[in-house]
C-alpha atoms as a PDB file:
ATOM      1  CA  UNK A   1       0.000   0.000   0.000  1.00  0.00           C
ATOM      2  CA  UNK A   2       2.870   2.348   0.843  1.00  0.00           C
ATOM      3  CA  UNK A   3       4.402   1.759  -2.593  1.00  0.00           C
ATOM      4  CA  UNK A   4       1.082   2.544  -4.244  1.00  0.00           C
ATOM      5  CA  UNK A   5       0.755   5.745  -2.221  1.00  0.00           C
ATOM      6  CA  UNK A   6       4.328   6.721  -3.105  1.00  0.00           C
ATOM      7  CA  UNK A   7       3.585   6.097  -6.782  1.00  0.00           C
ATOM      8  CA  UNK A   8       0.487   8.293  -6.611  1.00  0.00           C
ATOM      9  CA  UNK A   9       2.536  11.040  -4.958  1.00  0.00           C
ATOM     10  CA  UNK A  10       4.953  11.121  -7.908  1.00  0.00           C
ATOM     11  CA  UNK A  11       2.040  11.386 -10.356  1.00  0.00           C
ATOM     12  CA  UNK A  12       1.693   7.760 -11.427  1.00  0.00           C
ATOM     13  CA  UNK A  13      -1.849   6.990 -12.490  1.00  0.00           C
ATOM     14  CA  UNK A  14      -3.185   4.304 -10.077  1.00  0.00           C
ATOM     15  CA  UNK A  15      -5.514   2.996 -12.795  1.00  0.00           C
ATOM     16  CA  UNK A  16      -2.452   2.069 -14.856  1.00  0.00           C
ATOM     17  CA  UNK A  17      -1.342  -0.253 -12.058  1.00  0.00           C
ATOM     18  CA  UNK A  18      -4.618  -2.189 -11.848  1.00  0.00           C
ATOM     19  CA  UNK A  19      -3.736  -4.739 -14.554  1.00  0.00           C
ATOM     20  CA  UNK A  20      -0.302  -5.433 -13.044  1.00  0.00           C
ATOM     21  CA  UNK A  21      -1.764  -5.846  -9.559  1.00  0.00           C
ATOM     22  CA  UNK A  22      -4.554  -8.113 -10.816  1.00  0.00           C
ATOM     23  CA  UNK A  23      -2.062 -10.277 -12.723  1.00  0.00           C
ATOM     24  CA  UNK A  24       0.222 -10.548  -9.680  1.00  0.00           C
ATOM     25  CA  UNK A  25      -2.726 -11.554  -7.493  1.00  0.00           C
ATOM     26  CA  UNK A  26      -3.839 -14.171 -10.028  1.00  0.00           C
ATOM     27  CA  UNK A  27      -0.316 -15.637 -10.185  1.00  0.00           C
ATOM     28  CA  UNK A  28      -0.148 -15.712  -6.401  1.00  0.00           C
ATOM     29  CA  UNK A  29      -3.516 -17.487  -6.152  1.00  0.00           C
ATOM     30  CA  UNK A  30      -2.459 -20.027  -8.817  1.00  0.00           C
ATOM     31  CA  UNK A  31       0.809 -20.716  -6.991  1.00  0.00           C
ATOM     32  CA  UNK A  32      -1.007 -21.201  -3.681  1.00  0.00           C
ATOM     33  CA  UNK A  33      -3.488 -23.599  -5.303  1.00  0.00           C
ATOM     34  CA  UNK A  34      -0.635 -25.529  -6.904  1.00  0.00           C
ATOM     35  CA  UNK A  35       1.199 -25.828  -3.590  1.00  0.00           C
ATOM     36  CA  UNK A  36      -1.972 -26.887  -1.819  1.00  0.00           C
ATOM     37  CA  UNK A  37      -2.545 -29.673  -4.363  1.00  0.00           C
ATOM     38  CA  UNK A  38       1.065 -30.860  -4.444  1.00  0.00           C
ATOM     39  CA  UNK A  39       1.850 -34.186  -2.776  1.00  0.00           C
ATOM     40  CA  UNK A  40       3.713 -34.103   0.506  1.00  0.00           C
ATOM     41  CA  UNK A  41       7.457 -34.678   0.128  1.00  0.00           C
ATOM     42  CA  UNK A  42       8.475 -38.263   0.726  1.00  0.00           C
ATOM     43  CA  UNK A  43      10.546 -38.670   3.866  1.00  0.00           C
ATOM     44  CA  UNK A  44      13.519 -40.998   3.797  1.00  0.00           C
ATOM     45  CA  UNK A  45      14.001 -43.144   6.864  1.00  0.00           C
ATOM     46  CA  UNK A  46      17.328 -43.839   8.571  1.00  0.00           C
ATOM     47  CA  UNK A  47      17.074 -47.462   7.443  1.00  0.00           C
ATOM     48  CA  UNK A  48      16.659 -46.401   3.803  1.00  0.00           C
ATOM     49  CA  UNK A  49      19.726 -44.140   4.033  1.00  0.00           C
ATOM     50  CA  UNK A  50      21.808 -46.946   5.543  1.00  0.00           C
ATOM     51  CA  UNK A  51      20.597 -49.305   2.803  1.00  0.00           C
ATOM     52  CA  UNK A  52      21.662 -46.779   0.140  1.00  0.00           C
ATOM     53  CA  UNK A  53      25.104 -46.471   1.719  1.00  0.00           C
ATOM     54  CA  UNK A  54      25.452 -50.248   2.023  1.00  0.00           C
ATOM     55  CA  UNK A  55      24.515 -50.655  -1.653  1.00  0.00           C
ATOM     56  CA  UNK A  56      27.619 -48.661  -2.599  1.00  0.00           C
ATOM     57  CA  UNK A  57      29.904 -51.348  -1.206  1.00  0.00           C
ATOM     58  CA  UNK A  58      33.334 -50.538   0.183  1.00  0.00           C
ATOM     59  CA  UNK A  59      33.798 -47.144  -1.435  1.00  0.00           C
ATOM     60  CA  UNK A  60      37.006 -46.442   0.499  1.00  0.00           C
ATOM     61  CA  UNK A  61      38.737 -49.536  -0.855  1.00  0.00           C
ATOM     62  CA  UNK A  62      37.579 -48.807  -4.397  1.00  0.00           C
ATOM     63  CA  UNK A  63      38.854 -45.225  -4.206  1.00  0.00           C
ATOM     64  CA  UNK A  64      42.269 -46.406  -2.960  1.00  0.00           C
ATOM     65  CA  UNK A  65      42.559 -48.713  -5.974  1.00  0.00           C
ATOM     66  CA  UNK A  66      41.485 -46.066  -8.495  1.00  0.00           C
ATOM     67  CA  UNK A  67      43.729 -44.228 -10.933  1.00  0.00           C
ATOM     68  CA  UNK A  68      44.479 -40.661  -9.681  1.00  0.00           C
ATOM     69  CA  UNK A  69      43.504 -39.163 -13.040  1.00  0.00           C
ATOM     70  CA  UNK A  70      40.158 -40.938 -12.977  1.00  0.00           C
ATOM     71  CA  UNK A  71      39.587 -39.770  -9.408  1.00  0.00           C
ATOM     72  CA  UNK A  72      40.283 -36.170 -10.403  1.00  0.00           C
ATOM     73  CA  UNK A  73      37.702 -36.433 -13.164  1.00  0.00           C
ATOM     74  CA  UNK A  74      35.197 -38.134 -10.838  1.00  0.00           C
ATOM     75  CA  UNK A  75      35.631 -35.503  -8.118  1.00  0.00           C
ATOM     76  CA  UNK A  76      35.197 -32.757 -10.700  1.00  0.00           C
ATOM     77  CA  UNK A  77      32.007 -34.288 -12.062  1.00  0.00           C
ATOM     78  CA  UNK A  78      30.640 -34.710  -8.546  1.00  0.00           C
ATOM     79  CA  UNK A  79      31.582 -31.162  -7.562  1.00  0.00           C
ATOM     80  CA  UNK A  80      33.888 -32.363  -4.789  1.00  0.00           C
ATOM     81  CA  UNK A  81      36.665 -30.010  -3.736  1.00  0.00           C
ATOM     82  CA  UNK A  82      39.540 -30.963  -1.456  1.00  0.00           C
ATOM     83  CA  UNK A  83      41.823 -28.409   0.193  1.00  0.00           C
ATOM     84  CA  UNK A  84      44.813 -29.544   2.254  1.00  0.00           C
ATOM     85  CA  UNK A  85      45.757 -27.327   5.208  1.00  0.00           C
ATOM     86  CA  UNK A  86      49.368 -28.249   6.085  1.00  0.00           C
ATOM     87  CA  UNK A  87      49.377 -26.302   9.359  1.00  0.00           C
ATOM     88  CA  UNK A  88      46.690 -28.418  10.943  1.00  0.00           C
ATOM     89  CA  UNK A  89      47.359 -31.406   8.674  1.00  0.00           C
ATOM     90  CA  UNK A  90      43.705 -31.457   7.715  1.00  0.00           C
ATOM     91  CA  UNK A  91      41.727 -31.751   4.517  1.00  0.00           C
ATOM     92  CA  UNK A  92      38.714 -29.553   3.983  1.00  0.00           C
ATOM     93  CA  UNK A  93      36.155 -31.154   1.686  1.00  0.00           C
ATOM     94  CA  UNK A  94      33.433 -29.197  -0.071  1.00  0.00           C
ATOM     95  CA  UNK A  95      30.608 -30.497  -2.214  1.00  0.00           C
ATOM     96  CA  UNK A  96      28.540 -28.561  -4.706  1.00  0.00           C
ATOM     97  CA  UNK A  97      25.135 -30.208  -4.813  1.00  0.00           C
ATOM     98  CA  UNK A  98      23.590 -31.140  -8.094  1.00  0.00           C
ATOM     99  CA  UNK A  99      20.356 -29.246  -8.437  1.00  0.00           C
ATOM    100  CA  UNK A 100      17.552 -30.488 -10.603  1.00  0.00           C
ATOM    101  CA  UNK A 101      14.919 -27.845 -10.933  1.00  0.00           C
ATOM    102  CA  UNK A 102      11.937 -27.191 -13.091  1.00  0.00           C
ATOM    103  CA  UNK A 103      10.099 -23.959 -13.477  1.00  0.00           C
ATOM    104  CA  UNK A 104       6.470 -24.508 -12.587  1.00  0.00           C
ATOM    105  CA  UNK A 105       4.949 -22.048 -15.040  1.00  0.00           C
ATOM    106  CA  UNK A 106       7.811 -21.766 -17.512  1.00  0.00           C
ATOM    107  CA  UNK A 107      10.519 -19.150 -17.826  1.00  0.00           C
ATOM    108  CA  UNK A 108       9.838 -15.467 -18.049  1.00  0.00           C
END
């Protein structure tokens, strides 16, 4: 409301804003309806997580046997970064998550 009042004060015609406001309200209502009708996210149990980890086998042993060049490529594809800190003799690992996203109503 304050923005509308400020716009009126600088001589913007409030009638010109009606279409934009109506469209924004319609988009908001559509988004709320879509969220209301969306299925609840599926929760993963601790047992399912442990089963996923177990299905990978002995990853540590496989990584020790792997070619360093192949590991570099794998880490790059996975978005894994390793930084060695000699002072504390530690390795700092970072991971960039893969994001799969879809725009609900298409791009604008």
